[in-house]
Amino acid sequence: MTGTAGTAGTAETATTDRDRAWQVAAAVPDPELPMLTLADLGVLAGVEVDGGSGTVTAWLTPTYSGCPAVAEMAADVDRRLRAAGYPDVRVRLRLDPPWSTDLITAEGRRRLAEAGIAPPHPTSAVAAGSAPGPVALTLGPTRTGAVAPVTCPHCGDGDTEELSRFGSTACKALWRCRACREPFERVKEI
């Protein structure tokens, strides 16, 4: 009986430690979209804590494999976890399954709009709430010709137009609202 209780206690401690490490890593802001955390953006793919060694491994799935911000993301996660008392931290990349804009949380979409950046449309499965996790992604051209109009994050009007497929970062495009005439960026759907 004592062995069972000890095992349960160890499992609880590991879960608590993993949850705490997740919370620390999840709070790291994205370097290019600082209004979002890595968890809001769906880039934080997982956190593991090895109960025996105390090693924390954080998994990141960058928005695309050549993302220039991934080194900074990894350094920020490492720095925050070490500051939280984890002396042995490893940050690894997970490219499979690939990142998709469907991984952006509802809170992340809300924060993008508040910052004047139009969030991408979720797939119909994500919008309906029927997708339990990552959505299967077939690599090919990015989704263009959105199903729904792109709503202006400034005035809320749907009469918008794409000015340039390229914005301040590779994952954003430049748009303009025809109603209020304000330009805005939009996260590209992939």
C-alpha atoms as a PDB file:
ATOM      1  CA  MET A   1       0.000   0.000   0.000  1.00  0.00           C
ATOM      2  CA  THR A   2       2.765   2.417   0.838  1.00  0.00           C
ATOM      3  CA  GLY A   3       4.322   1.879  -2.613  1.00  0.00           C
ATOM      4  CA  THR A   4       1.019   2.739  -4.279  1.00  0.00           C
ATOM      5  CA  ALA A   5       0.617   5.934  -2.294  1.00  0.00           C
ATOM      6  CA  GLY A   6       4.197   6.909  -3.090  1.00  0.00           C
ATOM      7  CA  THR A   7       3.609   6.310  -6.784  1.00  0.00           C
ATOM      8  CA  ALA A   8       0.409   8.344  -6.741  1.00  0.00           C
ATOM      9  CA  GLY A   9       2.211  11.169  -4.948  1.00  0.00           C
ATOM     10  CA  THR A  10       5.003  11.114  -7.519  1.00  0.00           C
ATOM     11  CA  ALA A  11       2.492  11.156 -10.387  1.00  0.00           C
ATOM     12  CA  GLU A  12       0.654  14.084  -8.775  1.00  0.00           C
ATOM     13  CA  THR A  13       3.918  15.959  -8.285  1.00  0.00           C
ATOM     14  CA  ALA A  14       4.907  15.338 -11.923  1.00  0.00           C
ATOM     15  CA  THR A  15       1.506  16.578 -13.132  1.00  0.00           C
ATOM     16  CA  THR A  16       1.685  19.637 -10.904  1.00  0.00           C
ATOM     17  CA  ASP A  17       5.236  20.356 -12.057  1.00  0.00           C
ATOM     18  CA  ARG A  18       4.252  19.923 -15.724  1.00  0.00           C
ATOM     19  CA  ASP A  19       1.235  22.211 -15.252  1.00  0.00           C
ATOM     20  CA  ARG A  20       3.395  24.843 -13.565  1.00  0.00           C
ATOM     21  CA  ALA A  21       6.057  24.623 -16.306  1.00  0.00           C
ATOM     22  CA  TRP A  22       3.307  24.864 -18.953  1.00  0.00           C
ATOM     23  CA  GLN A  23       1.915  28.012 -17.332  1.00  0.00           C
ATOM     24  CA  VAL A  24       5.354  29.632 -17.306  1.00  0.00           C
ATOM     25  CA  ALA A  25       6.077  28.776 -20.955  1.00  0.00           C
ATOM     26  CA  ALA A  26       2.527  29.601 -22.076  1.00  0.00           C
ATOM     27  CA  ALA A  27       2.870  33.159 -20.759  1.00  0.00           C
ATOM     28  CA  VAL A  28       5.846  33.991 -23.006  1.00  0.00           C
ATOM     29  CA  PRO A  29       4.825  36.674 -25.534  1.00  0.00           C
ATOM     30  CA  ASP A  30       5.402  36.138 -29.235  1.00  0.00           C
ATOM     31  CA  PRO A  31       8.288  38.390 -30.373  1.00  0.00           C
ATOM     32  CA  GLU A  32       6.496  39.520 -33.561  1.00  0.00           C
ATOM     33  CA  LEU A  33       2.951  39.691 -32.165  1.00  0.00           C
ATOM     34  CA  PRO A  34       3.590  40.699 -28.535  1.00  0.00           C
ATOM     35  CA  MET A  35      -0.128  41.030 -27.776  1.00  0.00           C
ATOM     36  CA  LEU A  36      -0.241  37.207 -28.018  1.00  0.00           C
ATOM     37  CA  THR A  37       1.397  34.584 -25.881  1.00  0.00           C
ATOM     38  CA  LEU A  38       2.979  31.552 -27.505  1.00  0.00           C
ATOM     39  CA  ALA A  39       0.009  29.554 -26.199  1.00  0.00           C
ATOM     40  CA  ASP A  40      -2.510  32.025 -27.714  1.00  0.00           C
ATOM     41  CA  LEU A  41      -0.721  31.731 -31.053  1.00  0.00           C
ATOM     42  CA  GLY A  42      -0.687  27.930 -30.839  1.00  0.00           C
ATOM     43  CA  VAL A  43       3.099  27.808 -31.139  1.00  0.00           C
ATOM     44  CA  LEU A  44       3.658  26.190 -27.724  1.00  0.00           C
ATOM     45  CA  ALA A  45       3.068  22.546 -28.644  1.00  0.00           C
ATOM     46  CA  GLY A  46       3.795  20.916 -25.293  1.00  0.00           C
ATOM     47  CA  VAL A  47       5.794  20.862 -22.087  1.00  0.00           C
ATOM     48  CA  GLU A  48       7.223  17.775 -20.421  1.00  0.00           C
ATOM     49  CA  VAL A  49       8.956  17.416 -17.062  1.00  0.00           C
ATOM     50  CA  ASP A  50      11.162  14.396 -16.405  1.00  0.00           C
ATOM     51  CA  GLY A  51      10.413  13.588 -12.781  1.00  0.00           C
ATOM     52  CA  GLY A  52      13.721  11.757 -12.295  1.00  0.00           C
ATOM     53  CA  SER A  53      16.070  14.391 -13.638  1.00  0.00           C
ATOM     54  CA  GLY A  54      13.885  17.478 -13.367  1.00  0.00           C
ATOM     55  CA  THR A  55      14.612  18.316 -17.020  1.00  0.00           C
ATOM     56  CA  VAL A  56      11.928  20.460 -18.630  1.00  0.00           C
ATOM     57  CA  THR A  57      11.430  20.074 -22.361  1.00  0.00           C
ATOM     58  CA  ALA A  58       9.274  22.670 -24.087  1.00  0.00           C
ATOM     59  CA  TRP A  59       8.105  21.945 -27.634  1.00  0.00           C
ATOM     60  CA  LEU A  60       7.538  24.773 -30.121  1.00  0.00           C
ATOM     61  CA  THR A  61       5.860  24.496 -33.508  1.00  0.00           C
ATOM     62  CA  PRO A  62       6.816  27.638 -35.437  1.00  0.00           C
ATOM     63  CA  THR A  63       4.317  29.249 -37.775  1.00  0.00           C
ATOM     64  CA  TYR A  64       6.553  28.075 -40.616  1.00  0.00           C
ATOM     65  CA  SER A  65       9.835  26.155 -40.644  1.00  0.00           C
ATOM     66  CA  GLY A  66      11.935  29.164 -41.661  1.00  0.00           C
ATOM     67  CA  CYS A  67      10.430  31.538 -39.083  1.00  0.00           C
ATOM     68  CA  PRO A  68      13.195  33.985 -38.101  1.00  0.00           C
ATOM     69  CA  ALA A  69      11.657  34.530 -34.649  1.00  0.00           C
ATOM     70  CA  VAL A  70      11.960  30.909 -33.529  1.00  0.00           C
ATOM     71  CA  ALA A  71      15.409  31.405 -31.969  1.00  0.00           C
ATOM     72  CA  GLU A  72      14.112  34.311 -29.908  1.00  0.00           C
ATOM     73  CA  MET A  73      11.011  32.332 -28.883  1.00  0.00           C
ATOM     74  CA  ALA A  74      13.205  29.450 -27.738  1.00  0.00           C
ATOM     75  CA  ALA A  75      15.529  31.772 -25.804  1.00  0.00           C
ATOM     76  CA  ASP A  76      12.568  33.501 -24.115  1.00  0.00           C
ATOM     77  CA  VAL A  77      10.984  30.186 -23.086  1.00  0.00           C
ATOM     78  CA  ASP A  78      14.344  28.941 -21.783  1.00  0.00           C
ATOM     79  CA  ARG A  79      14.954  32.169 -19.834  1.00  0.00           C
ATOM     80  CA  ARG A  80      11.469  32.189 -18.258  1.00  0.00           C
ATOM     81  CA  LEU A  81      11.590  28.531 -17.225  1.00  0.00           C
ATOM     82  CA  ARG A  82      15.053  28.947 -15.661  1.00  0.00           C
ATOM     83  CA  ALA A  83      13.869  32.064 -13.806  1.00  0.00           C
ATOM     84  CA  ALA A  84      10.936  29.993 -12.485  1.00  0.00           C
ATOM     85  CA  GLY A  85      13.391  27.557 -10.890  1.00  0.00           C
ATOM     86  CA  TYR A  86      13.915  24.904 -13.573  1.00  0.00           C
ATOM     87  CA  PRO A  87      17.717  24.594 -13.949  1.00  0.00           C
ATOM     88  CA  ASP A  88      17.743  22.077 -16.830  1.00  0.00           C
ATOM     89  CA  VAL A  89      15.648  23.336 -19.760  1.00  0.00           C
ATOM     90  CA  ARG A  90      15.531  22.107 -23.319  1.00  0.00           C
ATOM     91  CA  VAL A  91      13.507  23.804 -26.028  1.00  0.00           C
ATOM     92  CA  ARG A  92      12.836  21.649 -29.076  1.00  0.00           C
ATOM     93  CA  LEU A  93      11.053  22.211 -32.375  1.00  0.00           C
ATOM     94  CA  ARG A  94       8.140  20.027 -33.420  1.00  0.00           C
ATOM     95  CA  LEU A  95       7.309  20.399 -37.105  1.00  0.00           C
ATOM     96  CA  ASP A  96       4.831  17.528 -37.348  1.00  0.00           C
ATOM     97  CA  PRO A  97       1.982  18.211 -37.233  1.00  0.00           C
ATOM     98  CA  PRO A  98       2.669  21.586 -38.829  1.00  0.00           C
ATOM     99  CA  TRP A  99       1.325  24.796 -37.337  1.00  0.00           C
ATOM    100  CA  SER A 100      -1.941  26.126 -38.722  1.00  0.00           C
ATOM    101  CA  THR A 101      -3.815  29.353 -38.094  1.00  0.00           C
ATOM    102  CA  ASP A 102      -6.554  27.106 -36.682  1.00  0.00           C
ATOM    103  CA  LEU A 103      -4.326  26.702 -33.596  1.00  0.00           C
ATOM    104  CA  ILE A 104      -4.775  30.368 -32.643  1.00  0.00           C
ATOM    105  CA  THR A 105      -7.047  30.395 -29.598  1.00  0.00           C
ATOM    106  CA  ALA A 106     -10.273  32.387 -29.368  1.00  0.00           C
ATOM    107  CA  GLU A 107      -8.487  34.668 -26.888  1.00  0.00           C
ATOM    108  CA  GLY A 108      -5.638  35.096 -29.377  1.00  0.00           C
ATOM    109  CA  ARG A 109      -8.084  36.028 -32.140  1.00  0.00           C
ATOM    110  CA  ARG A 110      -9.733  38.553 -29.824  1.00  0.00           C
ATOM    111  CA  ARG A 111      -6.368  40.098 -28.890  1.00  0.00           C
ATOM    112  CA  LEU A 112      -5.317  40.361 -32.544  1.00  0.00           C
ATOM    113  CA  ALA A 113      -8.506  42.258 -33.389  1.00  0.00           C
ATOM    114  CA  GLU A 114      -8.039  44.551 -30.367  1.00  0.00           C
ATOM    115  CA  ALA A 115      -4.540  45.353 -31.634  1.00  0.00           C
ATOM    116  CA  GLY A 116      -5.903  46.295 -35.070  1.00  0.00           C
ATOM    117  CA  ILE A 117      -4.832  43.070 -36.808  1.00  0.00           C
ATOM    118  CA  ALA A 118      -7.575  41.075 -38.498  1.00  0.00           C
ATOM    119  CA  PRO A 119      -7.426  37.474 -37.282  1.00  0.00           C
ATOM    120  CA  PRO A 120      -7.608  34.660 -39.822  1.00  0.00           C
ATOM    121  CA  HIS A 121     -10.876  32.851 -40.330  1.00  0.00           C
ATOM    122  CA  PRO A 122     -10.982  29.477 -38.582  1.00  0.00           C
ATOM    123  CA  THR A 123     -11.927  26.405 -40.574  1.00  0.00           C
ATOM    124  CA  SER A 124     -15.587  25.469 -40.357  1.00  0.00           C
ATOM    125  CA  ALA A 125     -14.755  22.583 -37.975  1.00  0.00           C
ATOM    126  CA  VAL A 126     -12.915  24.916 -35.604  1.00  0.00           C
ATOM    127  CA  ALA A 127     -15.607  27.603 -35.857  1.00  0.00           C
ATOM    128  CA  ALA A 128     -18.284  25.021 -35.049  1.00  0.00           C
ATOM    129  CA  GLY A 129     -16.269  23.796 -32.078  1.00  0.00           C
ATOM    130  CA  SER A 130     -16.189  20.233 -33.389  1.00  0.00           C
ATOM    131  CA  ALA A 131     -12.439  19.957 -33.801  1.00  0.00           C
ATOM    132  CA  PRO A 132     -10.984  18.431 -30.621  1.00  0.00           C
ATOM    133  CA  GLY A 133      -7.400  19.440 -31.368  1.00  0.00           C
ATOM    134  CA  PRO A 134      -5.109  20.199 -34.268  1.00  0.00           C
ATOM    135  CA  VAL A 135      -6.784  20.124 -37.655  1.00  0.00           C
ATOM    136  CA  ALA A 136      -5.286  17.964 -40.408  1.00  0.00           C
ATOM    137  CA  LEU A 137      -3.471  20.207 -42.842  1.00  0.00           C
ATOM    138  CA  THR A 138      -2.723  19.487 -46.469  1.00  0.00           C
ATOM    139  CA  LEU A 139       0.243  21.532 -47.561  1.00  0.00           C
ATOM    140  CA  GLY A 140      -0.296  23.579 -50.665  1.00  0.00           C
ATOM    141  CA  PRO A 141      -1.052  27.182 -51.506  1.00  0.00           C
ATOM    142  CA  THR A 142      -2.264  29.316 -48.631  1.00  0.00           C
ATOM    143  CA  ARG A 143      -5.988  29.762 -48.278  1.00  0.00           C
ATOM    144  CA  THR A 144      -7.064  32.757 -50.311  1.00  0.00           C
ATOM    145  CA  GLY A 145     -10.523  33.875 -51.260  1.00  0.00           C
ATOM    146  CA  ALA A 146     -11.805  33.671 -47.698  1.00  0.00           C
ATOM    147  CA  VAL A 147     -15.201  32.090 -47.119  1.00  0.00           C
ATOM    148  CA  ALA A 148     -16.358  35.083 -45.103  1.00  0.00           C
ATOM    149  CA  PRO A 149     -15.450  38.727 -45.658  1.00  0.00           C
ATOM    150  CA  VAL A 150     -12.477  40.066 -43.771  1.00  0.00           C
ATOM    151  CA  THR A 151     -13.813  42.359 -41.077  1.00  0.00           C
ATOM    152  CA  CYS A 152     -12.039  45.634 -40.399  1.00  0.00           C
ATOM    153  CA  PRO A 153     -10.623  45.534 -36.860  1.00  0.00           C
ATOM    154  CA  HIS A 154     -11.102  49.317 -36.575  1.00  0.00           C
ATOM    155  CA  CYS A 155     -14.745  49.857 -37.577  1.00  0.00           C
ATOM    156  CA  GLY A 156     -16.103  46.315 -37.978  1.00  0.00           C
ATOM    157  CA  ASP A 157     -17.160  46.757 -41.618  1.00  0.00           C
ATOM    158  CA  GLY A 158     -16.740  43.851 -44.031  1.00  0.00           C
ATOM    159  CA  ASP A 159     -16.039  45.964 -47.112  1.00  0.00           C
ATOM    160  CA  THR A 160     -12.277  45.407 -47.175  1.00  0.00           C
ATOM    161  CA  GLU A 161      -9.604  44.736 -49.763  1.00  0.00           C
ATOM    162  CA  GLU A 162      -6.167  43.179 -49.793  1.00  0.00           C
ATOM    163  CA  LEU A 163      -3.505  45.718 -50.779  1.00  0.00           C
ATOM    164  CA  SER A 164      -0.480  43.448 -50.557  1.00  0.00           C
ATOM    165  CA  ARG A 165      -0.017  39.756 -49.836  1.00  0.00           C
ATOM    166  CA  PHE A 166       3.009  40.762 -47.763  1.00  0.00           C
ATOM    167  CA  GLY A 167       2.934  42.785 -44.545  1.00  0.00           C
ATOM    168  CA  SER A 168       5.460  43.575 -41.826  1.00  0.00           C
ATOM    169  CA  THR A 169       6.157  39.863 -41.292  1.00  0.00           C
ATOM    170  CA  ALA A 170       5.830  36.858 -43.585  1.00  0.00           C
ATOM    171  CA  CYS A 171       2.691  35.665 -41.812  1.00  0.00           C
ATOM    172  CA  LYS A 172       0.732  38.892 -42.359  1.00  0.00           C
ATOM    173  CA  ALA A 173      -0.840  40.656 -45.358  1.00  0.00           C
ATOM    174  CA  LEU A 174      -1.726  44.339 -45.757  1.00  0.00           C
ATOM    175  CA  TRP A 175      -5.436  45.180 -46.082  1.00  0.00           C
ATOM    176  CA  ARG A 176      -7.570  48.341 -46.170  1.00  0.00           C
ATOM    177  CA  CYS A 177     -11.141  49.036 -45.163  1.00  0.00           C
ATOM    178  CA  ARG A 178     -13.162  50.761 -47.864  1.00  0.00           C
ATOM    179  CA  ALA A 179     -15.597  52.137 -45.265  1.00  0.00           C
ATOM    180  CA  CYS A 180     -13.219  53.869 -42.816  1.00  0.00           C
ATOM    181  CA  ARG A 181     -10.227  53.884 -45.239  1.00  0.00           C
ATOM    182  CA  GLU A 182      -7.885  52.632 -42.507  1.00  0.00           C
ATOM    183  CA  PRO A 183      -5.150  50.170 -43.436  1.00  0.00           C
ATOM    184  CA  PHE A 184      -4.645  47.112 -41.248  1.00  0.00           C
ATOM    185  CA  GLU A 185      -2.697  43.913 -41.202  1.00  0.00           C
ATOM    186  CA  ARG A 186      -4.274  40.479 -41.325  1.00  0.00           C
ATOM    187  CA  VAL A 187      -2.765  37.185 -40.265  1.00  0.00           C
ATOM    188  CA  LYS A 188      -2.665  34.931 -43.329  1.00  0.00           C
ATOM    189  CA  GLU A 189      -4.543  31.664 -43.123  1.00  0.00           C
ATOM    190  CA  ILE A 190      -2.552  28.511 -43.606  1.00  0.00           C
END
